[in-house]
Amino acid sequence: MKDLKKYHGIIPAFYACYDDEGNVSPERTKAFAKFLLDKGVKGLYMCGSSGECIYQSKEERKLILESVMEIAKGKMTIIAHVACNSTADSMELAAHAEGLGVDAIASIPPIYFKLPEESIAQYWNDISSAAPNTDFVIYNIPQLAGVSLTMTLFKEMLKNPNVIGVKNSSMPTQDIQMFKAEGGKDFVVFNGPDEQFVAGRAIGAEGGIGGTYGVMPELFLKMDELIKAGRLDDAREIQYAVNEIIYAMCACKCNMYAAAKEVLRLQGIDIGDARKPLAQLKEESKPLAKNVYEMIESAKKKFC
């Protein structure tokens, strides 16, 4: 029987950490990993959307994961997103991740070409075969990948014993219920949309993986604590405050992750800017990002 409780809780989607020239920085990567470790999060989701993976080479993604594992191995649950458009590249990253001792690998479906479900299943199973001793998490994010995880495809993937969970970033919380019902009690569903963390947990998600957790882990940890204690009204109050923060981040005149990195800089953690073609932080956006920072600090004082 697999220990799936290691996936229950708050797992920030790790941000890409660059130096001042825009190169992957092992030093800043380690510093950010330690920052989140010290906050008490359950684990880290590596090299996903928030990690800007589609704008990085295989070598860069390997370096990022290696750097994080120096800090986190044995101390946090690590899920490594390994998807590339090429099956061979994805399998290479999967084998590398298993060699480092990650807890799970994850993958979106192939993007750009509209593939039949049998090709998507083959892609995922090929990736899983490259890491045969490692759990596999399906990443369902139809609004970006252009492909939804249908129940037909999901049932096919459940034939693979390594498939233990779904990171569900589709907006309907009902999807979480459907995956839970079909996957059974020994299956994990992660809530994806940060704006509906409480709703996702209430309908059955055991934890969450999110792109804004990194700038305000304390607030998500507090929501998680309150939900476990059955205090949904109190958790909902924090969710409302978190959503206002997210809306403010999205209003910054840059990519949301560029805004997040400025907020972290104000918190004392410099991990660079977002990588082009993502819209980078401009001087005019800094006051907006500072407002986000102040909103987070205010919410932490109120709720934590």
C-alpha atoms as a PDB file:
ATOM      1  CA  MET A   1       0.000   0.000   0.000  1.00  0.00           C
ATOM      2  CA  LYS A   2       1.409   3.369  -1.028  1.00  0.00           C
ATOM      3  CA  ASP A   3       1.705   6.217   1.459  1.00  0.00           C
ATOM      4  CA  LEU A   4      -0.435   8.880  -0.179  1.00  0.00           C
ATOM      5  CA  LYS A   5      -0.651  11.113   2.896  1.00  0.00           C
ATOM      6  CA  LYS A   6       2.635  12.679   1.845  1.00  0.00           C
ATOM      7  CA  TYR A   7       0.622  14.403  -0.893  1.00  0.00           C
ATOM      8  CA  HIS A   8      -1.994  15.823   1.480  1.00  0.00           C
ATOM      9  CA  GLY A   9      -1.570  19.522   2.213  1.00  0.00           C
ATOM     10  CA  ILE A  10      -0.066  22.681   0.766  1.00  0.00           C
ATOM     11  CA  ILE A  11       2.316  22.202  -2.165  1.00  0.00           C
ATOM     12  CA  PRO A  12       3.421  25.460  -3.810  1.00  0.00           C
ATOM     13  CA  ALA A  13       4.107  25.450  -7.527  1.00  0.00           C
ATOM     14  CA  PHE A  14       7.768  26.442  -7.545  1.00  0.00           C
ATOM     15  CA  TYR A  15       8.777  29.591  -9.446  1.00  0.00           C
ATOM     16  CA  ALA A  16      11.693  29.657 -11.871  1.00  0.00           C
ATOM     17  CA  CYS A  17      14.691  31.364 -10.285  1.00  0.00           C
ATOM     18  CA  TYR A  18      16.983  33.348 -12.567  1.00  0.00           C
ATOM     19  CA  ASP A  19      20.077  35.470 -12.085  1.00  0.00           C
ATOM     20  CA  ASP A  20      20.261  39.098 -13.187  1.00  0.00           C
ATOM     21  CA  GLU A  21      21.132  37.984 -16.737  1.00  0.00           C
ATOM     22  CA  GLY A  22      18.119  35.705 -16.978  1.00  0.00           C
ATOM     23  CA  ASN A  23      19.982  32.405 -16.569  1.00  0.00           C
ATOM     24  CA  VAL A  24      18.787  29.678 -14.214  1.00  0.00           C
ATOM     25  CA  SER A  25      20.387  30.345 -10.834  1.00  0.00           C
ATOM     26  CA  PRO A  26      21.120  27.304  -8.642  1.00  0.00           C
ATOM     27  CA  GLU A  27      21.881  29.615  -5.715  1.00  0.00           C
ATOM     28  CA  ARG A  28      18.575  31.472  -5.943  1.00  0.00           C
ATOM     29  CA  THR A  29      16.736  28.198  -6.554  1.00  0.00           C
ATOM     30  CA  LYS A  30      18.141  26.754  -3.335  1.00  0.00           C
ATOM     31  CA  ALA A  31      17.369  29.942  -1.418  1.00  0.00           C
ATOM     32  CA  PHE A  32      13.735  29.903  -2.549  1.00  0.00           C
ATOM     33  CA  ALA A  33      13.398  26.206  -1.719  1.00  0.00           C
ATOM     34  CA  LYS A  34      14.707  26.857   1.791  1.00  0.00           C
ATOM     35  CA  PHE A  35      12.368  29.844   2.140  1.00  0.00           C
ATOM     36  CA  LEU A  36       9.368  27.602   1.466  1.00  0.00           C
ATOM     37  CA  LEU A  37      10.753  24.735   3.564  1.00  0.00           C
ATOM     38  CA  ASP A  38      11.060  27.094   6.520  1.00  0.00           C
ATOM     39  CA  LYS A  39       7.435  28.168   6.058  1.00  0.00           C
ATOM     40  CA  GLY A  40       6.334  24.587   6.684  1.00  0.00           C
ATOM     41  CA  VAL A  41       4.722  23.647   3.377  1.00  0.00           C
ATOM     42  CA  LYS A  42       4.101  19.970   2.627  1.00  0.00           C
ATOM     43  CA  GLY A  43       6.069  19.885  -0.598  1.00  0.00           C
ATOM     44  CA  LEU A  44       6.948  21.514  -3.903  1.00  0.00           C
ATOM     45  CA  TYR A  45       5.637  21.097  -7.438  1.00  0.00           C
ATOM     46  CA  MET A  46       8.605  21.585  -9.724  1.00  0.00           C
ATOM     47  CA  CYS A  47       8.918  22.841 -13.299  1.00  0.00           C
ATOM     48  CA  GLY A  48       5.250  23.301 -14.053  1.00  0.00           C
ATOM     49  CA  SER A  49       3.349  26.298 -15.399  1.00  0.00           C
ATOM     50  CA  SER A  50       4.508  28.551 -12.566  1.00  0.00           C
ATOM     51  CA  GLY A  51       8.033  27.283 -13.165  1.00  0.00           C
ATOM     52  CA  GLU A  52       7.939  28.578 -16.767  1.00  0.00           C
ATOM     53  CA  CYS A  53       8.914  25.111 -17.968  1.00  0.00           C
ATOM     54  CA  ILE A  54       7.874  25.589 -21.591  1.00  0.00           C
ATOM     55  CA  TYR A  55      10.508  28.334 -21.929  1.00  0.00           C
ATOM     56  CA  GLN A  56      13.338  26.214 -20.518  1.00  0.00           C
ATOM     57  CA  SER A  57      15.666  23.599 -21.962  1.00  0.00           C
ATOM     58  CA  LYS A  58      15.906  20.055 -20.625  1.00  0.00           C
ATOM     59  CA  GLU A  59      19.285  20.897 -19.123  1.00  0.00           C
ATOM     60  CA  GLU A  60      17.873  23.892 -17.271  1.00  0.00           C
ATOM     61  CA  ARG A  61      14.995  21.865 -15.886  1.00  0.00           C
ATOM     62  CA  LYS A  62      17.413  19.192 -14.693  1.00  0.00           C
ATOM     63  CA  LEU A  63      19.557  21.832 -12.993  1.00  0.00           C
ATOM     64  CA  ILE A  64      16.532  23.348 -11.244  1.00  0.00           C
ATOM     65  CA  LEU A  65      15.391  19.978  -9.914  1.00  0.00           C
ATOM     66  CA  GLU A  66      18.888  18.991  -8.828  1.00  0.00           C
ATOM     67  CA  SER A  67      19.257  22.273  -6.932  1.00  0.00           C
ATOM     68  CA  VAL A  68      15.941  21.867  -5.127  1.00  0.00           C
ATOM     69  CA  MET A  69      16.645  18.263  -4.193  1.00  0.00           C
ATOM     70  CA  GLU A  70      19.818  19.369  -2.406  1.00  0.00           C
ATOM     71  CA  ILE A  71      17.588  21.323  -0.038  1.00  0.00           C
ATOM     72  CA  ALA A  72      14.335  19.368   0.024  1.00  0.00           C
ATOM     73  CA  LYS A  73      15.088  15.653  -0.328  1.00  0.00           C
ATOM     74  CA  GLY A  74      13.658  13.816   2.658  1.00  0.00           C
ATOM     75  CA  LYS A  75      12.181  17.032   4.062  1.00  0.00           C
ATOM     76  CA  MET A  76       9.394  17.823   1.604  1.00  0.00           C
ATOM     77  CA  THR A  77       7.320  15.906  -0.913  1.00  0.00           C
ATOM     78  CA  ILE A  78       8.652  16.674  -4.400  1.00  0.00           C
ATOM     79  CA  ILE A  79       6.573  16.315  -7.544  1.00  0.00           C
ATOM     80  CA  ALA A  80       8.507  16.978 -10.742  1.00  0.00           C
ATOM     81  CA  HIS A  81       6.606  18.027 -13.821  1.00  0.00           C
ATOM     82  CA  VAL A  82       8.484  16.452 -16.726  1.00  0.00           C
ATOM     83  CA  ALA A  83       6.311  17.044 -19.791  1.00  0.00           C
ATOM     84  CA  CYS A  84       7.848  18.239 -23.041  1.00  0.00           C
ATOM     85  CA  ASN A  85       6.240  18.161 -26.457  1.00  0.00           C
ATOM     86  CA  SER A  86       8.592  15.324 -27.395  1.00  0.00           C
ATOM     87  CA  THR A  87       7.917  11.960 -25.765  1.00  0.00           C
ATOM     88  CA  ALA A  88      11.626  11.148 -25.772  1.00  0.00           C
ATOM     89  CA  ASP A  89      12.523  14.409 -23.986  1.00  0.00           C
ATOM     90  CA  SER A  90       9.776  13.826 -21.423  1.00  0.00           C
ATOM     91  CA  MET A  91      11.032  10.302 -20.759  1.00  0.00           C
ATOM     92  CA  GLU A  92      14.562  11.627 -20.296  1.00  0.00           C
ATOM     93  CA  LEU A  93      13.361  14.118 -17.679  1.00  0.00           C
ATOM     94  CA  ALA A  94      11.266  11.426 -15.987  1.00  0.00           C
ATOM     95  CA  ALA A  95      14.248   9.078 -15.675  1.00  0.00           C
ATOM     96  CA  HIS A  96      16.377  11.945 -14.368  1.00  0.00           C
ATOM     97  CA  ALA A  97      13.757  12.826 -11.758  1.00  0.00           C
ATOM     98  CA  GLU A  98      13.497   9.240 -10.563  1.00  0.00           C
ATOM     99  CA  GLY A  99      17.253   9.090 -10.296  1.00  0.00           C
ATOM    100  CA  LEU A 100      17.162  12.073  -7.962  1.00  0.00           C
ATOM    101  CA  GLY A 101      14.583  10.393  -5.744  1.00  0.00           C
ATOM    102  CA  VAL A 102      11.497  12.559  -6.291  1.00  0.00           C
ATOM    103  CA  ASP A 103       8.208  11.333  -4.854  1.00  0.00           C
ATOM    104  CA  ALA A 104       6.248  11.696  -8.078  1.00  0.00           C
ATOM    105  CA  ILE A 105       6.464  12.884 -11.638  1.00  0.00           C
ATOM    106  CA  ALA A 106       3.655  14.763 -13.392  1.00  0.00           C
ATOM    107  CA  SER A 107       2.685  15.691 -16.911  1.00  0.00           C
ATOM    108  CA  ILE A 108       0.283  17.776 -18.923  1.00  0.00           C
ATOM    109  CA  PRO A 109      -0.923  16.262 -22.210  1.00  0.00           C
ATOM    110  CA  PRO A 110       1.016  17.114 -25.380  1.00  0.00           C
ATOM    111  CA  ILE A 111       0.129  20.599 -26.616  1.00  0.00           C
ATOM    112  CA  TYR A 112      -0.337  22.229 -30.048  1.00  0.00           C
ATOM    113  CA  PHE A 113      -1.448  19.223 -32.144  1.00  0.00           C
ATOM    114  CA  LYS A 114      -4.894  17.861 -31.274  1.00  0.00           C
ATOM    115  CA  LEU A 115      -4.138  14.234 -30.532  1.00  0.00           C
ATOM    116  CA  PRO A 116      -6.633  11.391 -30.045  1.00  0.00           C
ATOM    117  CA  GLU A 117      -7.022  10.159 -26.501  1.00  0.00           C
ATOM    118  CA  GLU A 118      -5.200   6.920 -27.243  1.00  0.00           C
ATOM    119  CA  SER A 119      -2.115   8.961 -28.228  1.00  0.00           C
ATOM    120  CA  ILE A 120      -2.327  11.024 -25.038  1.00  0.00           C
ATOM    121  CA  ALA A 121      -2.592   7.848 -22.946  1.00  0.00           C
ATOM    122  CA  GLN A 122       0.384   6.363 -24.764  1.00  0.00           C
ATOM    123  CA  TYR A 123       2.376   9.560 -24.162  1.00  0.00           C
ATOM    124  CA  TRP A 124       1.668   9.467 -20.418  1.00  0.00           C
ATOM    125  CA  ASN A 125       2.322   5.743 -20.131  1.00  0.00           C
ATOM    126  CA  ASP A 126       5.599   6.084 -22.034  1.00  0.00           C
ATOM    127  CA  ILE A 127       6.692   8.811 -19.609  1.00  0.00           C
ATOM    128  CA  SER A 128       5.679   6.671 -16.642  1.00  0.00           C
ATOM    129  CA  SER A 129       7.624   3.709 -18.048  1.00  0.00           C
ATOM    130  CA  ALA A 130      10.820   5.802 -17.889  1.00  0.00           C
ATOM    131  CA  ALA A 131      10.316   6.170 -14.111  1.00  0.00           C
ATOM    132  CA  PRO A 132       8.814   2.782 -13.230  1.00  0.00           C
ATOM    133  CA  ASN A 133       9.365   3.124  -9.485  1.00  0.00           C
ATOM    134  CA  THR A 134       7.857   6.602  -9.173  1.00  0.00           C
ATOM    135  CA  ASP A 135       4.268   7.759  -8.688  1.00  0.00           C
ATOM    136  CA  PHE A 136       2.615   9.553 -11.613  1.00  0.00           C
ATOM    137  CA  VAL A 137       0.297  12.581 -11.380  1.00  0.00           C
ATOM    138  CA  ILE A 138      -1.864  13.665 -14.301  1.00  0.00           C
ATOM    139  CA  TYR A 139      -1.949  17.457 -14.745  1.00  0.00           C
ATOM    140  CA  ASN A 140      -5.375  18.538 -16.021  1.00  0.00           C
ATOM    141  CA  ILE A 141      -5.250  22.169 -17.149  1.00  0.00           C
ATOM    142  CA  PRO A 142      -7.520  22.400 -20.207  1.00  0.00           C
ATOM    143  CA  GLN A 143      -7.543  26.202 -20.377  1.00  0.00           C
ATOM    144  CA  LEU A 144      -3.818  26.184 -21.248  1.00  0.00           C
ATOM    145  CA  ALA A 145      -3.164  22.723 -22.653  1.00  0.00           C
ATOM    146  CA  GLY A 146      -6.237  22.808 -24.888  1.00  0.00           C
ATOM    147  CA  VAL A 147      -7.133  19.245 -23.850  1.00  0.00           C
ATOM    148  CA  SER A 148      -9.480  18.135 -21.071  1.00  0.00           C
ATOM    149  CA  LEU A 149      -9.052  15.014 -19.009  1.00  0.00           C
ATOM    150  CA  THR A 150     -12.229  13.142 -19.963  1.00  0.00           C
ATOM    151  CA  MET A 151     -13.562  10.287 -17.863  1.00  0.00           C
ATOM    152  CA  THR A 152     -12.788   7.903 -20.719  1.00  0.00           C
ATOM    153  CA  LEU A 153      -9.140   8.949 -20.777  1.00  0.00           C
ATOM    154  CA  PHE A 154      -9.008   8.993 -16.976  1.00  0.00           C
ATOM    155  CA  LYS A 155     -10.323   5.420 -16.727  1.00  0.00           C
ATOM    156  CA  GLU A 156      -7.732   4.295 -19.261  1.00  0.00           C
ATOM    157  CA  MET A 157      -4.938   5.904 -17.221  1.00  0.00           C
ATOM    158  CA  LEU A 158      -6.142   4.248 -14.010  1.00  0.00           C
ATOM    159  CA  LYS A 159      -4.991   0.947 -15.534  1.00  0.00           C
ATOM    160  CA  ASN A 160      -1.439   2.208 -14.881  1.00  0.00           C
ATOM    161  CA  PRO A 161      -0.690   1.353 -11.213  1.00  0.00           C
ATOM    162  CA  ASN A 162       1.726   4.284 -10.941  1.00  0.00           C
ATOM    163  CA  VAL A 163      -1.075   6.812 -11.521  1.00  0.00           C
ATOM    164  CA  ILE A 164      -1.958   7.977  -8.019  1.00  0.00           C
ATOM    165  CA  GLY A 165      -3.407  11.424  -8.544  1.00  0.00           C
ATOM    166  CA  VAL A 166      -4.667  14.311 -10.633  1.00  0.00           C
ATOM    167  CA  LYS A 167      -3.593  17.909 -10.314  1.00  0.00           C
ATOM    168  CA  ASN A 168      -6.903  19.395 -11.339  1.00  0.00           C
ATOM    169  CA  SER A 169      -6.729  22.971 -12.596  1.00  0.00           C
ATOM    170  CA  SER A 170     -10.024  22.976 -14.465  1.00  0.00           C
ATOM    171  CA  MET A 171     -12.460  25.503 -13.039  1.00  0.00           C
ATOM    172  CA  PRO A 172     -15.510  23.316 -12.188  1.00  0.00           C
ATOM    173  CA  THR A 173     -15.064  21.898  -8.694  1.00  0.00           C
ATOM    174  CA  GLN A 174     -17.386  19.097  -9.804  1.00  0.00           C
ATOM    175  CA  ASP A 175     -14.445  17.678 -11.754  1.00  0.00           C
ATOM    176  CA  ILE A 176     -12.701  17.003  -8.447  1.00  0.00           C
ATOM    177  CA  GLN A 177     -15.705  15.036  -7.219  1.00  0.00           C
ATOM    178  CA  MET A 178     -15.826  13.010 -10.442  1.00  0.00           C
ATOM    179  CA  PHE A 179     -12.121  12.126 -10.296  1.00  0.00           C
ATOM    180  CA  LYS A 180     -12.408  11.224  -6.613  1.00  0.00           C
ATOM    181  CA  ALA A 181     -15.441   9.013  -7.211  1.00  0.00           C
ATOM    182  CA  GLU A 182     -13.753   7.121 -10.040  1.00  0.00           C
ATOM    183  CA  GLY A 183     -10.272   7.023  -8.494  1.00  0.00           C
ATOM    184  CA  GLY A 184     -11.466   5.717  -5.141  1.00  0.00           C
ATOM    185  CA  LYS A 185     -10.213   6.286  -1.625  1.00  0.00           C
ATOM    186  CA  ASP A 186      -6.612   5.400  -2.502  1.00  0.00           C
ATOM    187  CA  PHE A 187      -6.320   8.219  -5.020  1.00  0.00           C
ATOM    188  CA  VAL A 188      -5.294  11.861  -4.597  1.00  0.00           C
ATOM    189  CA  VAL A 189      -6.849  14.897  -6.236  1.00  0.00           C
ATOM    190  CA  PHE A 190      -5.075  18.241  -5.860  1.00  0.00           C
ATOM    191  CA  ASN A 191      -7.068  21.450  -6.142  1.00  0.00           C
ATOM    192  CA  GLY A 192      -5.490  23.633  -8.832  1.00  0.00           C
ATOM    193  CA  PRO A 193      -7.288  27.004  -9.059  1.00  0.00           C
ATOM    194  CA  ASP A 194      -6.105  28.974  -6.036  1.00  0.00           C
ATOM    195  CA  GLU A 195      -9.268  31.087  -6.048  1.00  0.00           C
ATOM    196  CA  GLN A 196     -11.358  28.042  -5.145  1.00  0.00           C
ATOM    197  CA  PHE A 197      -9.077  26.290  -2.669  1.00  0.00           C
ATOM    198  CA  VAL A 198     -11.758  26.039   0.022  1.00  0.00           C
ATOM    199  CA  ALA A 199     -14.382  24.829  -2.451  1.00  0.00           C
ATOM    200  CA  GLY A 200     -12.016  22.249  -3.888  1.00  0.00           C
ATOM    201  CA  ARG A 201     -11.121  20.919  -0.469  1.00  0.00           C
ATOM    202  CA  ALA A 202     -14.762  20.853   0.611  1.00  0.00           C
ATOM    203  CA  ILE A 203     -15.739  18.676  -2.353  1.00  0.00           C
ATOM    204  CA  GLY A 204     -12.931  16.191  -1.839  1.00  0.00           C
ATOM    205  CA  ALA A 205      -9.439  17.404  -2.759  1.00  0.00           C
ATOM    206  CA  GLU A 206      -6.850  16.225  -0.223  1.00  0.00           C
ATOM    207  CA  GLY A 207      -4.548  19.160  -0.846  1.00  0.00           C
ATOM    208  CA  GLY A 208      -3.622  21.845  -3.285  1.00  0.00           C
ATOM    209  CA  ILE A 209      -0.919  22.780  -5.756  1.00  0.00           C
ATOM    210  CA  GLY A 210      -1.017  26.440  -6.657  1.00  0.00           C
ATOM    211  CA  GLY A 211       0.830  29.224  -8.417  1.00  0.00           C
ATOM    212  CA  THR A 212       0.228  31.908  -5.795  1.00  0.00           C
ATOM    213  CA  TYR A 213       1.083  29.797  -2.744  1.00  0.00           C
ATOM    214  CA  GLY A 214       4.720  30.852  -3.059  1.00  0.00           C
ATOM    215  CA  VAL A 215       4.084  34.493  -2.146  1.00  0.00           C
ATOM    216  CA  MET A 216       1.634  33.786   0.685  1.00  0.00           C
ATOM    217  CA  PRO A 217       2.166  30.234   1.975  1.00  0.00           C
ATOM    218  CA  GLU A 218       1.082  31.276   5.456  1.00  0.00           C
ATOM    219  CA  LEU A 219      -2.459  32.064   4.269  1.00  0.00           C
ATOM    220  CA  PHE A 220      -2.893  28.750   2.459  1.00  0.00           C
ATOM    221  CA  LEU A 221      -1.418  26.849   5.392  1.00  0.00           C
ATOM    222  CA  LYS A 222      -3.905  28.565   7.689  1.00  0.00           C
ATOM    223  CA  MET A 223      -6.814  27.719   5.380  1.00  0.00           C
ATOM    224  CA  ASP A 224      -5.652  24.103   5.317  1.00  0.00           C
ATOM    225  CA  GLU A 225      -5.498  24.047   9.115  1.00  0.00           C
ATOM    226  CA  LEU A 226      -8.992  25.515   9.442  1.00  0.00           C
ATOM    227  CA  ILE A 227     -10.487  23.127   6.896  1.00  0.00           C
ATOM    228  CA  LYS A 228      -9.036  20.135   8.760  1.00  0.00           C
ATOM    229  CA  ALA A 229     -10.579  21.525  11.950  1.00  0.00           C
ATOM    230  CA  GLY A 230     -13.990  21.833  10.298  1.00  0.00           C
ATOM    231  CA  ARG A 231     -13.964  25.632  10.503  1.00  0.00           C
ATOM    232  CA  LEU A 232     -15.089  26.307   6.935  1.00  0.00           C
ATOM    233  CA  ASP A 233     -16.546  29.737   7.695  1.00  0.00           C
ATOM    234  CA  ASP A 234     -13.180  30.942   8.985  1.00  0.00           C
ATOM    235  CA  ALA A 235     -11.361  29.354   6.051  1.00  0.00           C
ATOM    236  CA  ARG A 236     -13.761  31.042   3.635  1.00  0.00           C
ATOM    237  CA  GLU A 237     -12.953  34.444   5.140  1.00  0.00           C
ATOM    238  CA  ILE A 238      -9.276  33.906   4.349  1.00  0.00           C
ATOM    239  CA  GLN A 239     -10.191  32.662   0.861  1.00  0.00           C
ATOM    240  CA  TYR A 240     -11.964  35.946   0.157  1.00  0.00           C
ATOM    241  CA  ALA A 241      -8.872  37.874   1.242  1.00  0.00           C
ATOM    242  CA  VAL A 242      -6.617  35.615  -0.856  1.00  0.00           C
ATOM    243  CA  ASN A 243      -8.810  36.146  -3.897  1.00  0.00           C
ATOM    244  CA  GLU A 244      -8.554  39.915  -3.557  1.00  0.00           C
ATOM    245  CA  ILE A 245      -4.771  39.518  -3.466  1.00  0.00           C
ATOM    246  CA  ILE A 246      -4.833  37.337  -6.592  1.00  0.00           C
ATOM    247  CA  TYR A 247      -7.003  39.863  -8.440  1.00  0.00           C
ATOM    248  CA  ALA A 248      -4.512  42.587  -7.486  1.00  0.00           C
ATOM    249  CA  MET A 249      -1.606  40.468  -8.747  1.00  0.00           C
ATOM    250  CA  CYS A 250      -3.371  39.904 -12.065  1.00  0.00           C
ATOM    251  CA  ALA A 251      -3.961  43.657 -12.387  1.00  0.00           C
ATOM    252  CA  CYS A 252      -0.223  44.352 -12.428  1.00  0.00           C
ATOM    253  CA  LYS A 253       0.973  45.381 -15.887  1.00  0.00           C
ATOM    254  CA  CYS A 254       3.146  42.307 -16.368  1.00  0.00           C
ATOM    255  CA  ASN A 255       2.881  38.538 -16.227  1.00  0.00           C
ATOM    256  CA  MET A 256       1.462  37.375 -12.897  1.00  0.00           C
ATOM    257  CA  TYR A 257       4.654  35.477 -12.064  1.00  0.00           C
ATOM    258  CA  ALA A 258       6.721  38.588 -12.685  1.00  0.00           C
ATOM    259  CA  ALA A 259       4.510  40.346 -10.145  1.00  0.00           C
ATOM    260  CA  ALA A 260       4.905  37.436  -7.730  1.00  0.00           C
ATOM    261  CA  LYS A 261       8.675  37.667  -8.004  1.00  0.00           C
ATOM    262  CA  GLU A 262       8.586  41.372  -7.148  1.00  0.00           C
ATOM    263  CA  VAL A 263       6.442  40.572  -4.111  1.00  0.00           C
ATOM    264  CA  LEU A 264       9.014  37.983  -3.053  1.00  0.00           C
ATOM    265  CA  ARG A 265      11.766  40.547  -3.548  1.00  0.00           C
ATOM    266  CA  LEU A 266       9.949  42.792  -1.096  1.00  0.00           C
ATOM    267  CA  GLN A 267       9.859  39.818   1.280  1.00  0.00           C
ATOM    268  CA  GLY A 268      13.631  39.497   0.991  1.00  0.00           C
ATOM    269  CA  ILE A 269      13.867  36.735  -1.639  1.00  0.00           C
ATOM    270  CA  ASP A 270      15.266  37.753  -5.026  1.00  0.00           C
ATOM    271  CA  ILE A 271      14.651  35.142  -7.736  1.00  0.00           C
ATOM    272  CA  GLY A 272      14.884  37.395 -10.777  1.00  0.00           C
ATOM    273  CA  ASP A 273      12.188  38.254 -13.297  1.00  0.00           C
ATOM    274  CA  ALA A 274       9.965  36.210 -15.581  1.00  0.00           C
ATOM    275  CA  ARG A 275      11.509  34.891 -18.794  1.00  0.00           C
ATOM    276  CA  LYS A 276      10.526  36.319 -22.163  1.00  0.00           C
ATOM    277  CA  PRO A 277       8.144  36.072 -23.946  1.00  0.00           C
ATOM    278  CA  LEU A 278       6.306  36.411 -20.617  1.00  0.00           C
ATOM    279  CA  ALA A 279       5.699  40.084 -19.894  1.00  0.00           C
ATOM    280  CA  GLN A 280       8.397  41.204 -17.501  1.00  0.00           C
ATOM    281  CA  LEU A 281       8.100  43.595 -14.606  1.00  0.00           C
ATOM    282  CA  LYS A 282       8.239  47.261 -15.579  1.00  0.00           C
ATOM    283  CA  GLU A 283       8.902  50.217 -13.329  1.00  0.00           C
ATOM    284  CA  GLU A 284       5.277  51.307 -13.603  1.00  0.00           C
ATOM    285  CA  SER A 285       4.148  47.972 -12.150  1.00  0.00           C
ATOM    286  CA  LYS A 286       6.282  48.162  -9.022  1.00  0.00           C
ATOM    287  CA  PRO A 287       3.772  50.259  -7.022  1.00  0.00           C
ATOM    288  CA  LEU A 288       1.038  47.756  -7.930  1.00  0.00           C
ATOM    289  CA  ALA A 289       3.229  44.871  -6.786  1.00  0.00           C
ATOM    290  CA  LYS A 290       4.033  46.733  -3.579  1.00  0.00           C
ATOM    291  CA  ASN A 291       0.310  47.043  -2.945  1.00  0.00           C
ATOM    292  CA  VAL A 292       0.014  43.263  -3.309  1.00  0.00           C
ATOM    293  CA  TYR A 293       2.857  42.822  -0.825  1.00  0.00           C
ATOM    294  CA  GLU A 294       1.095  45.117   1.661  1.00  0.00           C
ATOM    295  CA  MET A 295      -2.205  43.251   1.205  1.00  0.00           C
ATOM    296  CA  ILE A 296      -0.446  39.962   1.981  1.00  0.00           C
ATOM    297  CA  GLU A 297       1.261  41.366   5.072  1.00  0.00           C
ATOM    298  CA  SER A 298      -2.053  42.760   6.305  1.00  0.00           C
ATOM    299  CA  ALA A 299      -3.836  39.447   5.769  1.00  0.00           C
ATOM    300  CA  LYS A 300      -1.073  37.541   7.554  1.00  0.00           C
ATOM    301  CA  LYS A 301      -1.389  39.826  10.570  1.00  0.00           C
ATOM    302  CA  LYS A 302      -5.157  39.403  10.613  1.00  0.00           C
ATOM    303  CA  PHE A 303      -5.423  35.658  10.088  1.00  0.00           C
ATOM    304  CA  CYS A 304      -2.120  34.080  11.067  1.00  0.00           C
END
